[in-house]
């Protein structure tokens, strides 16, 4: 029963609020409509007042007749006057007057042996033939090919080695041996500064010796070379290298002996430039190493062919 009463009161309250809201909306709409209607009436009145005014008069922009006549009678200003240049007569020379005036020549000393340089116009004129012009252009524009390399280079080397006799040290005693001829292979890398070269080289030197010995050395050297140009194609070269050598001696009688020591060589030779990009060198070299606990100093003479290819 109580719930029914609460529901009835809620319905009555909702209907009251709804009617109040409708009344408020109706009043607001009525006031807005009245305002719009008043503005519309005011706008119509303003347009009517503007249309009731008389039309504007058309203006007259024509130039007065007096001013137009004065403008037509005006004379343009004359250009400024330029002063007249006075006439200067050109002197006239006649052939008779020239022939009547003898030439005045400076006296020459009696001791002078110089030839007479007074030549006629025809003698002073030098005519060039087409062949002479071609030779002149060729000498001016044609450049001779250059065979000099300046910059970095790389190249292989190969040669014959002629070692000197030596000795190995076994149990505190020296065992001499006789060396046979051998070979040398390697490569170098360097830079040519134009008359001076600095290069690094690796080479492998191998030869046999008496007593069944086989001697080999891996050589790492840095070298300084001076070049003397003999002609466009041929250079005279001399240099010195220093570095280290890893020596290995193998034999069935004394066993295996290894050692590392200081090494250096001297060279003198000739270089031939086949072109700007490569050349061939023929050198004589004298190679030495320091002595070691297992062997004496190694000495070798070699003839080496090496190439220099520009990079």
Protein backbone atom coordinates (compact mmCIF):
# COMPACT_ATOMS: atom_id res chain seq x y z
CA UNK A 1 0.00 0.00 0.00
CA UNK A 2 2.77 2.42 0.90
CA UNK A 3 4.58 1.64 -2.36
CA UNK A 4 1.47 2.50 -4.37
CA UNK A 5 1.20 5.86 -2.63
CA UNK A 6 4.85 6.66 -3.39
CA UNK A 7 4.36 5.77 -7.04
CA UNK A 8 1.24 7.97 -7.30
CA UNK A 9 3.10 10.91 -5.75
CA UNK A 10 6.01 10.48 -8.15
CA UNK A 11 3.66 10.48 -11.16
CA UNK A 12 1.94 13.65 -9.95
CA UNK A 13 5.33 15.36 -9.34
CA UNK A 14 6.65 14.38 -12.79
CA UNK A 15 3.53 15.70 -14.56
CA UNK A 16 3.82 19.02 -12.66
CA UNK A 17 7.47 19.46 -13.66
CA UNK A 18 6.67 18.61 -17.27
CA UNK A 19 3.87 21.20 -17.47
CA UNK A 20 6.13 23.83 -15.91
CA UNK A 21 8.87 23.17 -18.42
CA UNK A 22 6.45 23.44 -21.32
CA UNK A 23 5.21 26.78 -20.02
CA UNK A 24 8.78 28.09 -19.74
CA UNK A 25 9.64 26.92 -23.27
CA UNK A 26 6.47 28.50 -24.68
CA UNK A 27 7.24 31.85 -23.06
CA UNK A 28 10.86 31.82 -24.34
CA UNK A 29 9.76 30.98 -27.89
CA UNK A 30 7.15 33.75 -27.81
CA UNK A 31 9.71 36.36 -26.69
CA UNK A 32 12.24 35.31 -29.37
CA UNK A 33 9.64 35.42 -32.11
CA UNK A 34 8.52 38.92 -31.02
CA UNK A 35 12.16 40.12 -31.09
CA UNK A 36 12.73 38.69 -34.61
CA UNK A 37 9.56 40.31 -35.87
CA UNK A 38 10.59 43.73 -34.46
CA UNK A 39 14.01 43.50 -36.18
CA UNK A 40 12.39 42.57 -39.48
CA UNK A 41 10.03 45.56 -39.32
CA UNK A 42 12.96 47.90 -38.49
CA UNK A 43 14.95 46.56 -41.48
CA UNK A 44 12.03 47.09 -43.86
CA UNK A 45 11.64 50.67 -42.65
CA UNK A 46 15.35 51.41 -43.25
CA UNK A 47 15.23 50.03 -46.80
CA UNK A 48 12.12 52.09 -47.53
CA UNK A 49 13.84 55.27 -46.31
CA UNK A 50 16.86 54.60 -48.55
CA UNK A 51 14.69 53.98 -51.59
CA UNK A 52 12.70 57.15 -51.01
CA UNK A 53 15.83 59.39 -51.41
CA UNK A 54 16.40 61.09 -54.82
CA UNK A 55 19.11 59.58 -57.15
CA UNK A 56 22.64 60.95 -57.11
CA UNK A 57 23.65 63.47 -59.76
CA UNK A 58 26.19 62.38 -62.39
CA UNK A 59 29.46 64.35 -62.17
CA UNK A 60 31.08 66.22 -65.08
CA UNK A 61 34.80 65.35 -65.42
CA UNK A 62 35.49 67.04 -68.79
CA UNK A 63 38.52 69.37 -69.03
CA UNK A 64 37.63 73.08 -69.40
CA UNK A 65 38.02 74.42 -72.94
CA UNK A 66 40.58 77.04 -71.87
CA UNK A 67 42.91 74.47 -70.38
CA UNK A 68 42.62 72.20 -73.43
CA UNK A 69 43.41 75.06 -75.81
CA UNK A 70 46.38 76.13 -73.70
CA UNK A 71 47.75 72.58 -73.73
CA UNK A 72 47.51 72.34 -77.52
CA UNK A 73 49.35 75.63 -78.04
CA UNK A 74 52.32 74.65 -75.84
CA UNK A 75 55.62 74.22 -77.76
CA UNK A 76 57.94 71.37 -76.72
CA UNK A 77 61.25 72.52 -75.26
CA UNK A 78 64.17 72.59 -77.69
CA UNK A 79 67.19 70.33 -77.02
CA UNK A 80 70.27 71.94 -75.48
CA UNK A 81 72.66 73.42 -77.98
CA UNK A 82 75.97 71.61 -78.54
CA UNK A 83 79.00 73.81 -79.22
CA UNK A 84 80.39 73.33 -82.69
CA UNK A 85 83.75 71.58 -82.88
CA UNK A 86 86.30 73.75 -84.68
CA UNK A 87 87.66 72.32 -87.90
CA UNK A 88 91.28 71.24 -87.76
CA UNK A 89 92.82 70.71 -91.19
CA UNK A 90 94.80 67.52 -91.78
CA UNK A 91 98.30 68.15 -93.11
CA UNK A 92 98.95 66.84 -96.59
CA UNK A 93 102.23 65.31 -97.55
CA UNK A 94 103.38 65.22 -101.12
CA UNK A 95 105.83 62.76 -102.62
CA UNK A 96 107.98 65.51 -104.12
CA UNK A 97 108.52 67.13 -100.76
CA UNK A 98 109.55 63.82 -99.26
CA UNK A 99 112.02 63.11 -102.03
CA UNK A 100 113.61 66.54 -101.67
CA UNK A 101 114.35 65.95 -97.96
CA UNK A 102 117.39 63.72 -97.66
CA UNK A 103 117.43 61.11 -94.92
CA UNK A 104 119.54 61.95 -91.90
CA UNK A 105 121.43 58.93 -90.65
CA UNK A 106 123.46 58.71 -87.47
CA UNK A 107 127.19 58.29 -87.99
CA UNK A 108 128.53 54.83 -87.18
CA UNK A 109 131.79 54.29 -85.39
CA UNK A 110 134.64 53.05 -87.56
CA UNK A 111 135.36 50.11 -85.23
CA UNK A 112 131.81 48.77 -85.43
CA UNK A 113 131.52 45.41 -87.14
CA UNK A 114 127.75 45.10 -86.83
CA UNK A 115 125.88 44.62 -90.13
CA UNK A 116 123.61 47.27 -91.49
CA UNK A 117 120.16 46.75 -90.01
CA UNK A 118 118.37 49.22 -92.28
CA UNK A 119 116.21 46.92 -94.34
CA UNK A 120 113.44 47.67 -96.78
CA UNK A 121 109.84 46.83 -96.08
CA UNK A 122 110.04 43.78 -98.33
CA UNK A 123 113.12 42.43 -96.52
CA UNK A 124 111.56 42.90 -93.08
CA UNK A 125 108.45 40.97 -94.04
CA UNK A 126 108.75 37.32 -93.07
CA UNK A 127 106.40 34.90 -94.68
CA UNK A 128 105.73 31.55 -92.95
CA UNK A 129 105.08 28.43 -94.97
CA UNK A 130 102.40 25.88 -93.91
CA UNK A 131 105.10 23.39 -92.88
CA UNK A 132 106.69 25.91 -90.54
CA UNK A 133 103.30 26.70 -88.99
CA UNK A 134 102.63 22.99 -88.42
CA UNK A 135 105.98 22.59 -86.71
CA UNK A 136 105.33 25.62 -84.52
CA UNK A 137 101.92 24.31 -83.43
CA UNK A 138 103.37 20.86 -82.78
CA UNK A 139 106.10 22.32 -80.57
CA UNK A 140 103.54 24.43 -78.70
CA UNK A 141 100.75 21.93 -78.08
CA UNK A 142 102.26 18.46 -78.40
CA UNK A 143 103.62 17.16 -75.12
CA UNK A 144 106.22 14.46 -74.96
CA UNK A 145 105.16 11.28 -73.14
CA UNK A 146 106.40 11.05 -69.58
CA UNK A 147 107.98 7.88 -68.28
CA UNK A 148 108.51 8.96 -64.70
CA UNK A 149 106.40 7.43 -61.94
CA UNK A 150 105.59 9.48 -58.87
CA UNK A 151 103.41 7.86 -56.24
CA UNK A 152 102.74 4.43 -54.80
CA UNK A 153 103.80 1.26 -56.57
CA UNK A 154 103.80 -2.50 -56.05
CA UNK A 155 105.71 -5.31 -57.75
CA UNK A 156 107.07 -8.85 -57.53
CA UNK A 157 110.74 -9.79 -57.49
CA UNK A 158 112.70 -12.90 -58.45
CA UNK A 159 116.38 -13.62 -58.71
CA UNK A 160 119.37 -15.91 -58.32
CA UNK A 161 121.30 -16.10 -55.09
CA UNK A 162 124.97 -16.99 -54.64
CA UNK A 163 125.54 -17.49 -50.86
CA UNK A 164 128.97 -17.52 -49.27
CA UNK A 165 130.21 -20.49 -47.26
CA UNK A 166 129.38 -20.55 -43.58
CA UNK A 167 129.17 -22.72 -40.51
CA UNK A 168 126.66 -24.05 -38.00
CA UNK A 169 127.25 -24.40 -34.28
CA UNK A 170 126.59 -27.81 -32.84
CA UNK A 171 127.45 -28.61 -29.19
CA UNK A 172 129.83 -25.66 -28.98
CA UNK A 173 131.76 -26.53 -32.12
CA UNK A 174 131.66 -25.06 -35.58
CA UNK A 175 130.67 -27.30 -38.47
CA UNK A 176 131.56 -25.54 -41.74
CA UNK A 177 129.61 -26.04 -44.92
CA UNK A 178 129.96 -25.16 -48.59
CA UNK A 179 126.99 -23.26 -50.05
CA UNK A 180 125.35 -23.97 -53.38
CA UNK A 181 123.45 -21.50 -55.52
CA UNK A 182 119.87 -20.71 -54.63
CA UNK A 183 116.94 -18.48 -55.46
CA UNK A 184 115.10 -15.54 -53.99
CA UNK A 185 111.38 -14.68 -54.37
CA UNK A 186 109.25 -11.90 -52.92
CA UNK A 187 107.43 -8.64 -53.49
CA UNK A 188 107.78 -4.99 -52.52
CA UNK A 189 105.52 -2.02 -51.87
CA UNK A 190 106.69 1.58 -51.81
CA UNK A 191 106.34 5.19 -52.83
CA UNK A 192 108.36 7.14 -55.38
CA UNK A 193 108.84 10.80 -54.44
CA UNK A 194 110.67 11.63 -57.68
CA UNK A 195 114.34 10.72 -57.29
CA UNK A 196 113.85 9.16 -53.84
CA UNK A 197 112.02 5.94 -53.04
CA UNK A 198 110.97 4.40 -49.76
CA UNK A 199 109.75 0.82 -49.89
CA UNK A 200 109.11 -2.26 -47.76
CA UNK A 201 109.96 -5.74 -48.98
CA UNK A 202 109.37 -9.38 -48.14
CA UNK A 203 111.58 -12.05 -49.71
CA UNK A 204 112.28 -15.73 -49.23
CA UNK A 205 115.89 -16.86 -49.73
CA UNK A 206 116.66 -20.57 -50.10
CA UNK A 207 119.78 -22.57 -50.94
CA UNK A 208 121.42 -25.91 -50.22
CA UNK A 209 124.78 -26.59 -48.63
CA UNK A 210 127.16 -29.50 -48.09
CA UNK A 211 126.34 -32.05 -45.45
CA UNK A 212 122.71 -32.24 -46.52
CA UNK A 213 121.89 -28.77 -45.21
CA UNK A 214 118.94 -26.74 -46.51
CA UNK A 215 119.02 -23.10 -45.47
CA UNK A 216 116.03 -20.79 -45.85
CA UNK A 217 115.31 -17.29 -44.55
CA UNK A 218 112.19 -15.09 -44.50
CA UNK A 219 113.36 -11.49 -44.77
CA UNK A 220 111.37 -8.36 -43.89
CA UNK A 221 113.23 -5.17 -44.89
CA UNK A 222 112.56 -1.45 -45.18
CA UNK A 223 114.61 0.16 -47.94
CA UNK A 224 115.73 3.63 -48.97
CA UNK A 225 116.65 4.10 -52.67
CA UNK A 226 118.10 7.02 -54.62
CA UNK A 227 117.32 7.27 -58.37
CA UNK A 228 119.51 9.15 -60.84
CA UNK A 229 117.89 9.80 -64.20
CA UNK A 230 120.26 8.89 -67.04
CA UNK A 231 117.68 9.35 -69.80
CA UNK A 232 113.92 9.45 -70.19
CA UNK A 233 113.79 5.66 -69.91
CA UNK A 234 116.81 4.59 -67.84
CA UNK A 235 117.59 5.33 -64.17
CA UNK A 236 120.65 4.51 -62.08
CA UNK A 237 119.62 3.38 -58.57
CA UNK A 238 121.37 2.65 -55.31
CA UNK A 239 119.98 1.92 -51.88
CA UNK A 240 120.16 0.24 -48.51
CA UNK A 241 117.68 -1.90 -46.58
CA UNK A 242 117.38 -2.91 -42.94
CA UNK A 243 115.10 -5.28 -41.10
CA UNK A 244 114.83 -8.78 -39.62
CA UNK A 245 115.44 -12.26 -40.94
CA UNK A 246 113.88 -15.50 -39.70
CA UNK A 247 116.42 -18.22 -40.52
CA UNK A 248 115.72 -21.96 -40.60
CA UNK A 249 118.37 -24.67 -41.18
CA UNK A 250 117.35 -28.28 -41.64
CA UNK A 251 119.66 -31.28 -41.79
CA UNK A 252 119.52 -34.98 -40.99
CA UNK A 253 122.94 -34.79 -39.33
CA UNK A 254 122.65 -31.70 -37.11
CA UNK A 255 118.88 -31.53 -36.79
CA UNK A 256 116.84 -28.35 -37.11
CA UNK A 257 118.25 -24.93 -36.21
CA UNK A 258 116.11 -21.78 -36.04
CA UNK A 259 116.97 -18.20 -35.27
CA UNK A 260 115.93 -14.57 -35.67
CA UNK A 261 118.39 -11.78 -36.26
CA UNK A 262 119.03 -8.35 -37.66
CA UNK A 263 119.46 -8.25 -41.46
CA UNK A 264 120.46 -5.62 -43.99
CA UNK A 265 121.44 -5.39 -47.65
CA UNK A 266 122.97 -3.01 -50.18
CA UNK A 267 121.94 -2.68 -53.81
CA UNK A 268 122.99 -0.96 -56.99
CA UNK A 269 121.32 -1.36 -60.34
CA UNK A 270 119.42 0.06 -63.27
CA UNK A 271 115.75 0.80 -63.81
CA UNK A 272 113.99 0.87 -67.17
CA UNK A 273 110.67 2.70 -67.48
CA UNK A 274 108.41 1.03 -70.05
CA UNK A 275 105.71 3.65 -69.46
CA UNK A 276 104.21 5.95 -66.92
CA UNK A 277 102.56 3.06 -65.08
CA UNK A 278 105.26 0.39 -64.83
CA UNK A 279 108.95 -0.33 -65.08
CA UNK A 280 111.54 -3.09 -64.58
CA UNK A 281 114.62 -3.04 -62.32
CA UNK A 282 117.81 -5.11 -62.48
CA UNK A 283 119.81 -4.96 -59.23
CA UNK A 284 122.88 -6.49 -57.65
CA UNK A 285 122.38 -7.05 -53.90
CA UNK A 286 124.66 -7.99 -51.05
CA UNK A 287 122.69 -9.50 -48.16
CA UNK A 288 123.87 -10.14 -44.60
CA UNK A 289 122.36 -11.32 -41.31
CA UNK A 290 123.62 -11.18 -37.76
CA UNK A 291 125.19 -14.30 -36.22
CA UNK A 292 123.15 -16.57 -33.97
CA UNK A 293 123.80 -19.20 -31.31
CA UNK A 294 123.11 -21.91 -33.88
CA UNK A 295 124.84 -20.49 -36.99
CA UNK A 296 127.34 -17.93 -38.21
CA UNK A 297 126.51 -14.81 -40.16
CA UNK A 298 124.73 -15.52 -43.47
CA UNK A 299 126.12 -13.71 -46.50
CA UNK A 300 124.76 -13.79 -50.01
CA UNK A 301 125.22 -12.14 -53.39
CA UNK A 302 122.14 -11.91 -55.59
CA UNK A 303 120.98 -10.69 -58.99
CA UNK A 304 117.35 -9.55 -58.67
CA UNK A 305 114.75 -8.68 -61.26
CA UNK A 306 111.88 -6.60 -59.83
CA UNK A 307 108.89 -4.82 -61.30
CA UNK A 308 107.29 -1.56 -60.18
CA UNK A 309 103.61 -1.20 -61.11
CA UNK A 310 101.96 2.14 -60.31
CA UNK A 311 98.88 2.03 -58.08
